[in-house]
Amino acid sequence: GRYKVIEGIVSPVSDEYGKKGLVSATHRVAMSRLALETSNWIGVDPWESKQQHWSETVEVLRHHYNRLLNPDHLKGSVQDTRVNKTGQDKQDMNSYPGSPQLKLLCGADFLETFKIPKLWREEHIVEVVGKFGLVCVSRGLTDTHRFIHESDTLTRHRHNIHLVREWIQNEISATEIRRALRRGQSVRYLLPDSVIEYIKQHDLYTAESELQNAGDILQPLKTNTE
């Protein structure tokens, strides 16, 4: 009840991310659109997937926020919505009433990635958490409060981390679904029928596709090592 939700954005990553088994962005965007055909508030934005380079998370958030600030996008949709300002000026987002906030929706285990050496730049963590904010969905025994407690940065910005407990748990795993597809097992009821049909038509998630980028280092690790 604290916010009026305007929309949800799914932003498939660029092929340059370098993750093992990552299929073409063209297919991932198409499957995402099929999966969201019945949603009246979540959409797919292909901007990130079309970039010729891997885009850092903070760069993607800035892009989507700037799009939300477009007057044509805002028209008639956010009159009673509390807003944050973000971007390169680094000012306090809460001082700009009239525009929407943009939050990064994630699983609670996402917070653990902030501790992986060289995966994140400290200034980017500060901007993602402090300037934008997180909505973290926790499942099972994940101790979200411990993740926050163990990080000085997360603790400092904990007011901007919104924790959501998923009481009706859903343990569907993308990794397990790809494994089942690779082994020829049924994934019916785990994915929309339209997505399953698309996967069959394009022969995706095979033993061969799983070897894509095998042995490569994830692009964020390469970038932050340089």
Protein backbone atom coordinates (compact mmCIF):
# COMPACT_ATOMS: atom_id res chain seq x y z
CA GLY A 1 0.00 0.00 0.00
CA ARG A 2 2.98 2.36 0.06
CA TYR A 3 3.21 2.73 -3.71
CA LYS A 4 1.04 2.76 -6.80
CA VAL A 5 2.60 0.28 -9.23
CA ILE A 6 2.69 1.69 -12.73
CA GLU A 7 4.37 -1.12 -14.63
CA GLY A 8 6.85 -3.96 -14.49
CA ILE A 9 9.78 -4.20 -16.89
CA VAL A 10 11.57 -7.37 -17.99
CA SER A 11 14.96 -6.54 -19.51
CA PRO A 12 16.76 -9.53 -21.12
CA VAL A 13 20.54 -9.29 -20.94
CA SER A 14 22.77 -8.81 -24.00
CA ASP A 15 24.45 -11.80 -25.62
CA GLU A 16 27.75 -10.23 -24.55
CA TYR A 17 27.08 -11.13 -20.91
CA GLY A 18 28.98 -14.35 -21.53
CA LYS A 19 26.98 -16.71 -19.32
CA LYS A 20 27.35 -20.41 -20.04
CA GLY A 21 24.39 -21.77 -21.99
CA LEU A 22 22.96 -18.33 -22.78
CA VAL A 23 20.80 -18.58 -25.91
CA SER A 24 20.42 -15.74 -28.40
CA ALA A 25 18.80 -12.56 -27.12
CA THR A 26 16.40 -12.73 -30.05
CA HIS A 27 14.97 -15.96 -28.65
CA ARG A 28 14.97 -14.75 -25.04
CA VAL A 29 13.06 -11.59 -25.92
CA ALA A 30 10.55 -13.60 -27.99
CA MET A 31 9.98 -16.13 -25.18
CA SER A 32 9.59 -13.36 -22.61
CA ARG A 33 6.92 -11.69 -24.75
CA LEU A 34 5.07 -14.96 -25.16
CA ALA A 35 5.21 -15.60 -21.41
CA LEU A 36 3.78 -12.15 -20.68
CA GLU A 37 1.00 -12.14 -23.27
CA THR A 38 -1.66 -12.30 -20.56
CA SER A 39 -0.13 -9.67 -18.29
CA ASN A 40 -1.70 -6.21 -18.25
CA TRP A 41 1.19 -4.55 -16.38
CA ILE A 42 4.47 -6.35 -17.16
CA GLY A 43 6.20 -5.74 -20.48
CA VAL A 44 9.48 -6.62 -22.19
CA ASP A 45 11.98 -3.91 -23.08
CA PRO A 46 14.60 -5.19 -25.58
CA TRP A 47 16.96 -2.21 -25.23
CA GLU A 48 19.51 -3.99 -23.06
CA SER A 49 19.48 -7.10 -25.24
CA LYS A 50 20.24 -5.04 -28.36
CA GLN A 51 23.41 -3.44 -26.98
CA GLN A 52 26.65 -4.44 -28.66
CA HIS A 53 28.26 -4.67 -25.23
CA TRP A 54 27.24 -6.00 -21.85
CA SER A 55 25.50 -3.24 -19.90
CA GLU A 56 26.17 -2.86 -16.19
CA THR A 57 23.05 -3.09 -14.03
CA VAL A 58 23.26 0.55 -13.00
CA GLU A 59 23.45 1.58 -16.67
CA VAL A 60 20.27 -0.37 -17.42
CA LEU A 61 18.48 1.19 -14.45
CA ARG A 62 19.48 4.67 -15.59
CA HIS A 63 18.17 3.95 -19.10
CA HIS A 64 14.77 2.74 -17.89
CA TYR A 65 14.45 5.58 -15.40
CA ASN A 66 15.17 8.19 -18.06
CA ARG A 67 12.54 6.53 -20.25
CA LEU A 68 10.02 6.73 -17.41
CA LEU A 69 10.71 10.46 -17.08
CA ASN A 70 9.67 11.01 -20.70
CA PRO A 71 6.58 13.28 -20.57
CA ASP A 72 4.70 11.07 -23.06
CA HIS A 73 5.28 8.04 -20.84
CA LEU A 74 4.20 9.84 -17.69
CA LYS A 75 1.08 11.43 -19.13
CA GLY A 76 -1.92 10.61 -16.93
CA SER A 77 -0.23 7.77 -15.03
CA VAL A 78 1.67 9.08 -12.00
CA GLN A 79 -0.16 12.04 -10.57
CA ASP A 80 -0.34 10.54 -7.09
CA THR A 81 2.91 8.57 -7.14
CA ARG A 82 5.86 9.38 -4.89
CA VAL A 83 9.04 9.81 -6.88
CA ASN A 84 12.74 9.56 -6.86
CA LYS A 85 15.30 11.33 -8.98
CA THR A 86 18.37 9.44 -10.11
CA GLY A 87 21.06 9.40 -12.74
CA GLN A 88 24.39 11.03 -13.17
CA ASP A 89 23.64 14.03 -10.93
CA LYS A 90 23.68 11.75 -7.82
CA GLN A 91 21.17 13.93 -5.96
CA ASP A 92 18.60 12.66 -3.48
CA MET A 93 15.80 11.00 -5.46
CA ASN A 94 13.14 11.81 -2.84
CA SER A 95 13.53 15.54 -3.43
CA TYR A 96 11.84 15.43 -6.83
CA PRO A 97 8.09 14.83 -6.35
CA GLY A 98 6.00 14.06 -9.44
CA SER A 99 8.04 11.36 -11.18
CA PRO A 100 8.04 7.58 -10.64
CA GLN A 101 10.50 5.59 -8.61
CA LEU A 102 12.26 2.67 -10.23
CA LYS A 103 13.12 -0.37 -8.10
CA LEU A 104 15.19 -3.41 -8.98
CA LEU A 105 13.13 -6.54 -8.31
CA CYS A 106 15.23 -9.54 -7.31
CA GLY A 107 15.41 -12.71 -5.29
CA ALA A 108 16.86 -12.30 -1.82
CA ASP A 109 19.91 -14.37 -2.79
CA PHE A 110 20.79 -11.55 -5.22
CA LEU A 111 22.10 -9.65 -2.19
CA GLU A 112 24.83 -12.26 -1.87
CA THR A 113 26.28 -11.26 -5.24
CA PHE A 114 27.39 -7.95 -3.75
CA LYS A 115 30.02 -9.92 -1.79
CA ILE A 116 31.53 -11.67 -4.84
CA PRO A 117 34.98 -10.14 -5.44
CA LYS A 118 35.21 -7.96 -8.56
CA LEU A 119 31.60 -8.64 -9.61
CA TRP A 120 30.36 -5.21 -8.50
CA ARG A 121 31.92 -1.77 -8.20
CA GLU A 122 31.25 -0.27 -4.80
CA GLU A 123 29.94 2.99 -6.25
CA HIS A 124 27.46 1.01 -8.36
CA ILE A 125 26.16 -0.86 -5.32
CA VAL A 126 25.61 2.48 -3.62
CA GLU A 127 23.70 3.85 -6.61
CA VAL A 128 21.62 0.70 -7.19
CA VAL A 129 20.63 0.36 -3.54
CA GLY A 130 20.77 3.95 -2.34
CA LYS A 131 19.52 5.85 -5.37
CA PHE A 132 17.08 3.32 -6.86
CA GLY A 133 16.34 0.71 -4.22
CA LEU A 134 15.58 -3.00 -4.19
CA VAL A 135 12.48 -5.11 -3.79
CA CYS A 136 13.75 -8.50 -2.61
CA VAL A 137 11.56 -11.58 -2.59
CA SER A 138 12.78 -14.17 -0.09
CA ARG A 139 11.98 -17.86 -0.26
CA GLY A 140 12.75 -20.86 1.87
CA LEU A 141 15.48 -20.46 4.45
CA THR A 142 17.25 -17.53 2.78
CA ASP A 143 18.34 -15.19 5.57
CA THR A 144 17.92 -11.81 3.92
CA HIS A 145 18.46 -9.89 7.15
CA ARG A 146 21.86 -11.58 7.59
CA PHE A 147 22.94 -10.54 4.07
CA ILE A 148 22.08 -6.94 4.91
CA HIS A 149 23.69 -7.09 8.35
CA GLU A 150 26.99 -8.38 6.92
CA SER A 151 27.30 -5.45 4.49
CA ASP A 152 28.00 -1.93 5.73
CA THR A 153 26.65 -0.49 2.47
CA LEU A 154 23.40 -2.47 2.58
CA THR A 155 22.92 -1.66 6.25
CA ARG A 156 23.39 2.04 5.54
CA HIS A 157 20.68 1.93 2.86
CA ARG A 158 18.43 -0.71 4.39
CA HIS A 159 15.51 1.77 4.38
CA ASN A 160 15.57 1.45 0.58
CA ILE A 161 15.54 -2.36 0.56
CA HIS A 162 11.98 -3.64 0.64
CA LEU A 163 11.73 -7.26 1.76
CA VAL A 164 8.84 -9.38 0.53
CA ARG A 165 8.14 -12.80 1.99
CA GLU A 166 6.70 -15.25 -0.54
CA TRP A 167 4.44 -17.31 1.68
CA ILE A 168 3.23 -19.51 -1.18
CA GLN A 169 6.64 -20.66 -2.29
CA ASN A 170 7.61 -21.32 -5.88
CA GLU A 171 10.85 -23.24 -6.23
CA ILE A 172 10.86 -23.31 -10.04
CA SER A 173 14.46 -22.94 -11.18
CA ALA A 174 15.55 -21.79 -14.63
CA THR A 175 18.60 -24.04 -14.29
CA GLU A 176 16.45 -27.08 -13.54
CA ILE A 177 14.09 -26.28 -16.43
CA ARG A 178 17.01 -26.03 -18.87
CA ARG A 179 18.38 -29.31 -17.50
CA ALA A 180 15.01 -31.02 -18.01
CA LEU A 181 14.76 -29.70 -21.57
CA ARG A 182 18.30 -30.83 -22.31
CA ARG A 183 17.38 -34.33 -21.13
CA GLY A 184 14.15 -34.46 -23.10
CA GLN A 185 11.94 -34.33 -20.00
CA SER A 186 8.58 -32.59 -19.83
CA VAL A 187 8.36 -29.02 -18.50
CA ARG A 188 4.63 -28.69 -19.00
CA TYR A 189 2.97 -26.53 -16.33
CA LEU A 190 6.39 -25.06 -15.50
CA LEU A 191 6.34 -22.78 -18.56
CA PRO A 192 3.49 -21.33 -20.62
CA ASP A 193 2.51 -23.67 -23.47
CA SER A 194 3.39 -20.97 -26.01
CA VAL A 195 6.95 -20.78 -24.66
CA ILE A 196 7.34 -24.57 -24.68
CA GLU A 197 6.17 -24.64 -28.31
CA TYR A 198 8.64 -21.87 -29.21
CA ILE A 199 11.49 -23.82 -27.61
CA LYS A 200 10.56 -26.91 -29.63
CA GLN A 201 10.26 -24.99 -32.89
CA HIS A 202 13.68 -23.41 -32.49
CA ASP A 203 15.38 -26.41 -30.87
CA LEU A 204 16.62 -24.44 -27.87
CA TYR A 205 18.29 -25.63 -24.66
CA THR A 206 20.03 -28.65 -26.05
CA ALA A 207 23.28 -30.27 -24.96
CA GLU A 208 24.99 -28.21 -27.67
CA SER A 209 23.50 -24.88 -26.62
CA GLU A 210 24.53 -25.51 -23.03
CA LEU A 211 28.16 -25.37 -24.18
CA GLN A 212 27.70 -21.80 -25.43
CA ASN A 213 30.32 -19.56 -23.75
CA ALA A 214 31.71 -22.58 -21.88
CA GLY A 215 35.01 -21.64 -20.26
CA ASP A 216 34.43 -17.91 -20.68
CA ILE A 217 34.59 -15.46 -17.79
CA LEU A 218 31.42 -13.48 -17.12
CA GLN A 219 31.70 -10.02 -18.65
CA PRO A 220 31.25 -8.16 -15.32
CA LEU A 221 34.21 -10.05 -13.89
CA LYS A 222 36.29 -9.14 -16.94
CA THR A 223 35.20 -5.50 -16.81
CA ASN A 224 35.87 -4.97 -13.13
CA THR A 225 39.24 -6.72 -13.35
CA GLU A 226 40.54 -4.39 -16.03
